[in-house]
Every structure is written in C-alpha cells, then in structure tokens.
Amino acid sequence: MEEFTISEMKDMQRQLQEKYKDKWEGISPEVGKHQLLWMIGEIGEVIDIVKKRGSTAIMEDPTVRAHFVEEMADVLMYYSDLLLCFDISSEDLKRAYTAKFRQNLNRW
C-alpha cells in the first residue's frame, strides 16, 4: 500500500477549505489558534477511547479500532489545517523533524 503523505493531507484540506469558504473561518494564523483548540478536543476523543476501551480492544475489536482510527483521522485533519494556517510546508516539517530526530538519537 502506498504511503499517505503530508502533502496529500494538506491538499485535501485545501479542497475542503475551498468548498466551505463561505461557512468556515478560512486559513490564517489567527484561525490556527482555533484549529489547535479543535485538534486538542479530537485528541481528547482519542484518549477517551484508549481509556474506556483499552489498547487490547483497539487492536482486536474491529468496531473499536475503526472508531479509534476515525478519531485519529480527525486529529490529522486539524493538524493539516494548522500546517496550512501557519504556512508550514512539508519541507519545513521534514527539516525540523529530521533535526529533532538527530537530537533525540544523541539524547541519552
């Protein structure tokens, strides 16, 4: 199966933003603050599944797993919106991620 890239997620979010431009807030750093709060709410929903259903159910129960993955997708949608709001490119993210990875390799 082919990997799902950050660029693909951002493109999909741009499509949604265009479709709902008259209903949604749009894309800007100011809106990014709101998107961050919405993303935290979605992370809370992921945490609830882990807390209430447990990791075994997430791994073994198809219904629980589907719900868990759906909530993770919601988190990624808001994450993609944040990348758009703050104009963070895939290259910017790769550079920062790689630097952090190297730093963590040498941490302990």
Protein backbone atom coordinates (compact mmCIF):
# COMPACT_ATOMS: atom_id res chain seq x y z
CA MET A 1 0.00 0.00 0.00
CA GLU A 2 1.25 3.45 -0.87
CA GLU A 3 2.12 5.87 1.93
CA PHE A 4 -0.24 8.75 2.70
CA THR A 5 1.79 11.95 2.68
CA ILE A 6 1.52 15.24 4.49
CA SER A 7 1.26 16.97 1.13
CA GLU A 8 -1.77 14.83 0.24
CA MET A 9 -3.43 15.66 3.56
CA LYS A 10 -2.81 19.37 3.05
CA ASP A 11 -4.20 19.22 -0.49
CA MET A 12 -7.35 17.51 0.77
CA GLN A 13 -7.77 20.14 3.48
CA ARG A 14 -7.34 22.89 0.88
CA GLN A 15 -10.19 21.29 -1.10
CA LEU A 16 -12.41 21.32 1.99
CA GLN A 17 -11.45 24.90 2.77
CA GLU A 18 -12.33 25.94 -0.78
CA LYS A 19 -15.64 24.09 -0.73
CA TYR A 20 -16.70 25.58 2.61
CA LYS A 21 -15.06 29.01 2.28
CA ASP A 22 -18.41 30.71 2.88
CA LYS A 23 -19.09 28.68 6.04
CA TRP A 24 -15.67 28.14 7.61
CA GLU A 25 -13.28 30.69 9.07
CA GLY A 26 -10.63 30.30 6.37
CA ILE A 27 -6.90 29.92 6.70
CA SER A 28 -4.73 32.33 8.70
CA PRO A 29 -2.51 32.28 11.78
CA GLU A 30 -5.39 33.73 13.84
CA VAL A 31 -7.66 30.88 12.72
CA GLY A 32 -4.82 28.48 13.52
CA LYS A 33 -5.36 29.18 17.23
CA HIS A 34 -8.94 27.93 16.91
CA GLN A 35 -7.86 24.91 14.87
CA LEU A 36 -5.38 24.00 17.59
CA LEU A 37 -8.14 24.01 20.19
CA TRP A 38 -10.36 21.86 17.97
CA MET A 39 -7.45 19.45 17.46
CA ILE A 40 -6.95 19.16 21.21
CA GLY A 41 -10.64 18.28 21.52
CA GLU A 42 -10.18 15.50 18.98
CA ILE A 43 -7.11 14.25 20.85
CA GLY A 44 -9.36 14.09 23.92
CA GLU A 45 -11.73 11.82 21.99
CA VAL A 46 -8.79 9.54 21.11
CA ILE A 47 -7.76 9.48 24.77
CA ASP A 48 -11.32 8.56 25.79
CA ILE A 49 -11.27 5.51 23.53
CA VAL A 50 -7.92 4.38 24.93
CA LYS A 51 -9.11 5.00 28.49
CA LYS A 52 -12.55 3.44 28.17
CA ARG A 53 -11.88 0.61 25.74
CA GLY A 54 -8.17 -0.10 26.22
CA SER A 55 -5.38 -1.00 23.86
CA THR A 56 -6.46 -4.63 23.51
CA ALA A 57 -9.87 -3.62 22.14
CA ILE A 58 -8.23 -1.10 19.80
CA MET A 59 -6.02 -3.84 18.41
CA GLU A 60 -8.54 -6.70 18.34
CA ASP A 61 -12.10 -5.34 18.09
CA PRO A 62 -12.78 -4.09 14.53
CA THR A 63 -15.53 -1.69 15.65
CA VAL A 64 -13.41 -0.10 18.37
CA ARG A 65 -10.43 0.07 16.04
CA ALA A 66 -12.46 1.76 13.30
CA HIS A 67 -13.68 4.37 15.79
CA PHE A 68 -10.13 4.92 17.07
CA VAL A 69 -8.73 5.35 13.55
CA GLU A 70 -11.59 7.71 12.63
CA GLU A 71 -10.78 9.94 15.62
CA MET A 72 -7.09 9.84 14.71
CA ALA A 73 -8.06 10.99 11.21
CA ASP A 74 -9.94 13.92 12.79
CA VAL A 75 -6.76 14.86 14.67
CA LEU A 76 -4.78 14.74 11.43
CA MET A 77 -7.35 16.89 9.63
CA TYR A 78 -6.96 19.65 12.20
CA TYR A 79 -3.19 19.14 12.16
CA SER A 80 -3.23 19.63 8.38
CA ASP A 81 -5.31 22.78 8.81
CA LEU A 82 -2.69 24.07 11.27
CA LEU A 83 0.04 23.45 8.72
CA LEU A 84 -1.99 25.48 6.22
CA CYS A 85 -2.82 28.26 8.71
CA PHE A 86 0.83 28.77 9.62
CA ASP A 87 2.13 28.10 6.08
CA ILE A 88 4.32 25.16 7.11
CA SER A 89 5.49 23.20 4.09
CA SER A 90 6.30 19.52 4.00
CA GLU A 91 9.94 20.53 3.53
CA ASP A 92 9.83 22.76 6.64
CA LEU A 93 8.34 19.94 8.64
CA LYS A 94 10.81 17.37 7.31
CA ARG A 95 13.74 19.64 8.16
CA ALA A 96 12.51 20.24 11.72
CA TYR A 97 11.53 16.59 12.24
CA THR A 98 14.90 15.36 10.99
CA ALA A 99 16.78 17.79 13.24
CA LYS A 100 14.71 16.72 16.25
CA PHE A 101 15.24 13.05 15.35
CA ARG A 102 19.02 13.54 15.26
CA GLN A 103 18.91 15.42 18.56
CA ASN A 104 16.92 12.59 20.15
CA LEU A 105 19.35 9.97 18.82
CA ASN A 106 22.06 11.60 20.88
CA ARG A 107 19.97 12.48 23.91
CA TRP A 108 20.98 9.60 26.22
